[in-house]
């Protein structure tokens, strides 16, 4: 799910071109963070990683992905590799939805 009000707010604040760049940077960093979760992190690093994903996603209007990151925060260590796969799926879904929205805005 995408928060259209947040997307429009960001577009008004920084412009469509810069919004695309900022989203691209976040998505790239999110992919790296998910990969690190999948490789296994200690509890503190896992908490920081999921916090980064959740807060960044909310800032970008990616509510569905933020919810997935919030759920991933409480997963026990043995299940985190599965959680990384779930995060990848949630991110891909958000990206697809976002691409549809961005193409409509441009």
C-alpha atoms as a PDB file:
ATOM      1  CA  UNK A   1       0.000   0.000   0.000  1.00  0.00           C
ATOM      2  CA  UNK A   2       1.274   3.461  -0.936  1.00  0.00           C
ATOM      3  CA  UNK A   3       0.414   6.649   0.954  1.00  0.00           C
ATOM      4  CA  UNK A   4      -0.509   8.910  -1.966  1.00  0.00           C
ATOM      5  CA  UNK A   5      -0.721  11.973   0.261  1.00  0.00           C
ATOM      6  CA  UNK A   6       2.902  11.449   1.288  1.00  0.00           C
ATOM      7  CA  UNK A   7       4.010  10.899  -2.316  1.00  0.00           C
ATOM      8  CA  UNK A   8       2.280  14.117  -3.401  1.00  0.00           C
ATOM      9  CA  UNK A   9       3.757  15.986  -0.442  1.00  0.00           C
ATOM     10  CA  UNK A  10       7.264  14.812  -1.344  1.00  0.00           C
ATOM     11  CA  UNK A  11       6.724  15.669  -4.994  1.00  0.00           C
ATOM     12  CA  UNK A  12       5.659  19.206  -4.057  1.00  0.00           C
ATOM     13  CA  UNK A  13       8.602  19.623  -1.682  1.00  0.00           C
ATOM     14  CA  UNK A  14      11.407  18.328  -3.901  1.00  0.00           C
ATOM     15  CA  UNK A  15       9.961  17.865  -7.385  1.00  0.00           C
ATOM     16  CA  UNK A  16       9.198  14.728  -9.351  1.00  0.00           C
ATOM     17  CA  UNK A  17      12.742  14.230 -10.658  1.00  0.00           C
ATOM     18  CA  UNK A  18      14.356  14.496  -7.236  1.00  0.00           C
ATOM     19  CA  UNK A  19      11.613  12.338  -5.736  1.00  0.00           C
ATOM     20  CA  UNK A  20      12.524   9.619  -8.208  1.00  0.00           C
ATOM     21  CA  UNK A  21      16.189   9.921  -7.242  1.00  0.00           C
ATOM     22  CA  UNK A  22      15.479   9.820  -3.505  1.00  0.00           C
ATOM     23  CA  UNK A  23      13.202   6.810  -3.908  1.00  0.00           C
ATOM     24  CA  UNK A  24      15.842   5.063  -5.988  1.00  0.00           C
ATOM     25  CA  UNK A  25      18.468   5.634  -3.301  1.00  0.00           C
ATOM     26  CA  UNK A  26      16.156   4.361  -0.567  1.00  0.00           C
ATOM     27  CA  UNK A  27      15.222   1.279  -2.578  1.00  0.00           C
ATOM     28  CA  UNK A  28      18.876   0.470  -3.212  1.00  0.00           C
ATOM     29  CA  UNK A  29      19.732   0.843   0.476  1.00  0.00           C
ATOM     30  CA  UNK A  30      16.661  -1.192   1.436  1.00  0.00           C
ATOM     31  CA  UNK A  31      17.808  -4.056  -0.811  1.00  0.00           C
ATOM     32  CA  UNK A  32      21.243  -4.025   0.841  1.00  0.00           C
ATOM     33  CA  UNK A  33      19.679  -3.947   4.295  1.00  0.00           C
ATOM     34  CA  UNK A  34      17.383  -6.856   3.488  1.00  0.00           C
ATOM     35  CA  UNK A  35      20.372  -8.832   2.228  1.00  0.00           C
ATOM     36  CA  UNK A  36      22.191  -8.213   5.513  1.00  0.00           C
ATOM     37  CA  UNK A  37      19.134  -9.380   7.448  1.00  0.00           C
ATOM     38  CA  UNK A  38      19.130 -12.550   5.368  1.00  0.00           C
ATOM     39  CA  UNK A  39      22.791 -13.197   6.178  1.00  0.00           C
ATOM     40  CA  UNK A  40      22.079 -12.963   9.883  1.00  0.00           C
ATOM     41  CA  UNK A  41      22.522 -10.064  12.251  1.00  0.00           C
ATOM     42  CA  UNK A  42      22.821  -9.911  15.991  1.00  0.00           C
ATOM     43  CA  UNK A  43      19.772  -8.621  17.831  1.00  0.00           C
ATOM     44  CA  UNK A  44      20.957  -4.997  17.973  1.00  0.00           C
ATOM     45  CA  UNK A  45      21.900  -4.813  14.302  1.00  0.00           C
ATOM     46  CA  UNK A  46      18.629  -6.514  13.374  1.00  0.00           C
ATOM     47  CA  UNK A  47      16.693  -3.928  15.366  1.00  0.00           C
ATOM     48  CA  UNK A  48      18.587  -1.081  13.670  1.00  0.00           C
ATOM     49  CA  UNK A  49      18.099  -2.608  10.219  1.00  0.00           C
ATOM     50  CA  UNK A  50      14.362  -3.102  10.603  1.00  0.00           C
ATOM     51  CA  UNK A  51      14.024   0.379  12.116  1.00  0.00           C
ATOM     52  CA  UNK A  52      15.823   1.856   9.095  1.00  0.00           C
ATOM     53  CA  UNK A  53      13.522  -0.033   6.728  1.00  0.00           C
ATOM     54  CA  UNK A  54      10.355   0.932   8.585  1.00  0.00           C
ATOM     55  CA  UNK A  55      11.175   4.609   9.114  1.00  0.00           C
ATOM     56  CA  UNK A  56      12.539   5.056   5.601  1.00  0.00           C
ATOM     57  CA  UNK A  57       9.523   3.358   4.083  1.00  0.00           C
ATOM     58  CA  UNK A  58       7.124   5.551   6.046  1.00  0.00           C
ATOM     59  CA  UNK A  59       9.040   8.649   4.997  1.00  0.00           C
ATOM     60  CA  UNK A  60       8.751   7.558   1.356  1.00  0.00           C
ATOM     61  CA  UNK A  61       5.056   6.684   1.668  1.00  0.00           C
ATOM     62  CA  UNK A  62       5.600   2.926   1.355  1.00  0.00           C
ATOM     63  CA  UNK A  63       3.134   1.935   4.053  1.00  0.00           C
ATOM     64  CA  UNK A  64       2.834  -1.723   3.068  1.00  0.00           C
ATOM     65  CA  UNK A  65       6.592  -2.202   3.145  1.00  0.00           C
ATOM     66  CA  UNK A  66       6.805  -0.339   6.467  1.00  0.00           C
ATOM     67  CA  UNK A  67       4.287  -2.793   7.917  1.00  0.00           C
ATOM     68  CA  UNK A  68       6.382  -5.735   6.704  1.00  0.00           C
ATOM     69  CA  UNK A  69       9.507  -4.195   8.273  1.00  0.00           C
ATOM     70  CA  UNK A  70       7.620  -3.649  11.521  1.00  0.00           C
ATOM     71  CA  UNK A  71       6.635  -7.323  11.591  1.00  0.00           C
ATOM     72  CA  UNK A  72      10.214  -8.356  10.768  1.00  0.00           C
ATOM     73  CA  UNK A  73      11.491  -6.455  13.799  1.00  0.00           C
ATOM     74  CA  UNK A  74      10.005  -8.968  16.226  1.00  0.00           C
ATOM     75  CA  UNK A  75      11.066 -12.173  14.460  1.00  0.00           C
ATOM     76  CA  UNK A  76      13.390 -14.489  16.384  1.00  0.00           C
ATOM     77  CA  UNK A  77      16.891 -15.064  15.014  1.00  0.00           C
ATOM     78  CA  UNK A  78      16.300 -18.576  13.578  1.00  0.00           C
ATOM     79  CA  UNK A  79      13.511 -17.270  11.306  1.00  0.00           C
ATOM     80  CA  UNK A  80      15.193 -14.097  10.041  1.00  0.00           C
ATOM     81  CA  UNK A  81      16.336 -15.543   6.722  1.00  0.00           C
ATOM     82  CA  UNK A  82      12.690 -16.321   5.940  1.00  0.00           C
ATOM     83  CA  UNK A  83      11.813 -12.810   7.049  1.00  0.00           C
ATOM     84  CA  UNK A  84      14.340 -11.418   4.576  1.00  0.00           C
ATOM     85  CA  UNK A  85      12.521 -13.257   1.791  1.00  0.00           C
ATOM     86  CA  UNK A  86       9.210 -11.803   2.994  1.00  0.00           C
ATOM     87  CA  UNK A  87      10.773  -8.321   3.017  1.00  0.00           C
ATOM     88  CA  UNK A  88      12.050  -8.811  -0.532  1.00  0.00           C
ATOM     89  CA  UNK A  89       8.552  -9.742  -1.649  1.00  0.00           C
ATOM     90  CA  UNK A  90       6.994  -6.773   0.155  1.00  0.00           C
ATOM     91  CA  UNK A  91       9.571  -4.413  -1.340  1.00  0.00           C
ATOM     92  CA  UNK A  92       8.993  -5.768  -4.856  1.00  0.00           C
ATOM     93  CA  UNK A  93       5.253  -5.315  -4.412  1.00  0.00           C
ATOM     94  CA  UNK A  94       5.723  -1.735  -3.213  1.00  0.00           C
ATOM     95  CA  UNK A  95       8.087  -0.983  -6.107  1.00  0.00           C
ATOM     96  CA  UNK A  96       5.563  -2.285  -8.650  1.00  0.00           C
ATOM     97  CA  UNK A  97       2.790  -0.202  -7.126  1.00  0.00           C
ATOM     98  CA  UNK A  98       5.073   2.818  -6.905  1.00  0.00           C
ATOM     99  CA  UNK A  99       6.135   2.487 -10.545  1.00  0.00           C
ATOM    100  CA  UNK A 100       2.485   2.606 -11.592  1.00  0.00           C
ATOM    101  CA  UNK A 101       1.913   5.700  -9.501  1.00  0.00           C
ATOM    102  CA  UNK A 102       5.086   7.472 -10.639  1.00  0.00           C
ATOM    103  CA  UNK A 103       4.300   6.844 -14.307  1.00  0.00           C
ATOM    104  CA  UNK A 104       0.872   8.379 -13.765  1.00  0.00           C
ATOM    105  CA  UNK A 105       2.427  11.451 -12.101  1.00  0.00           C
ATOM    106  CA  UNK A 106       4.952  12.109 -14.874  1.00  0.00           C
END
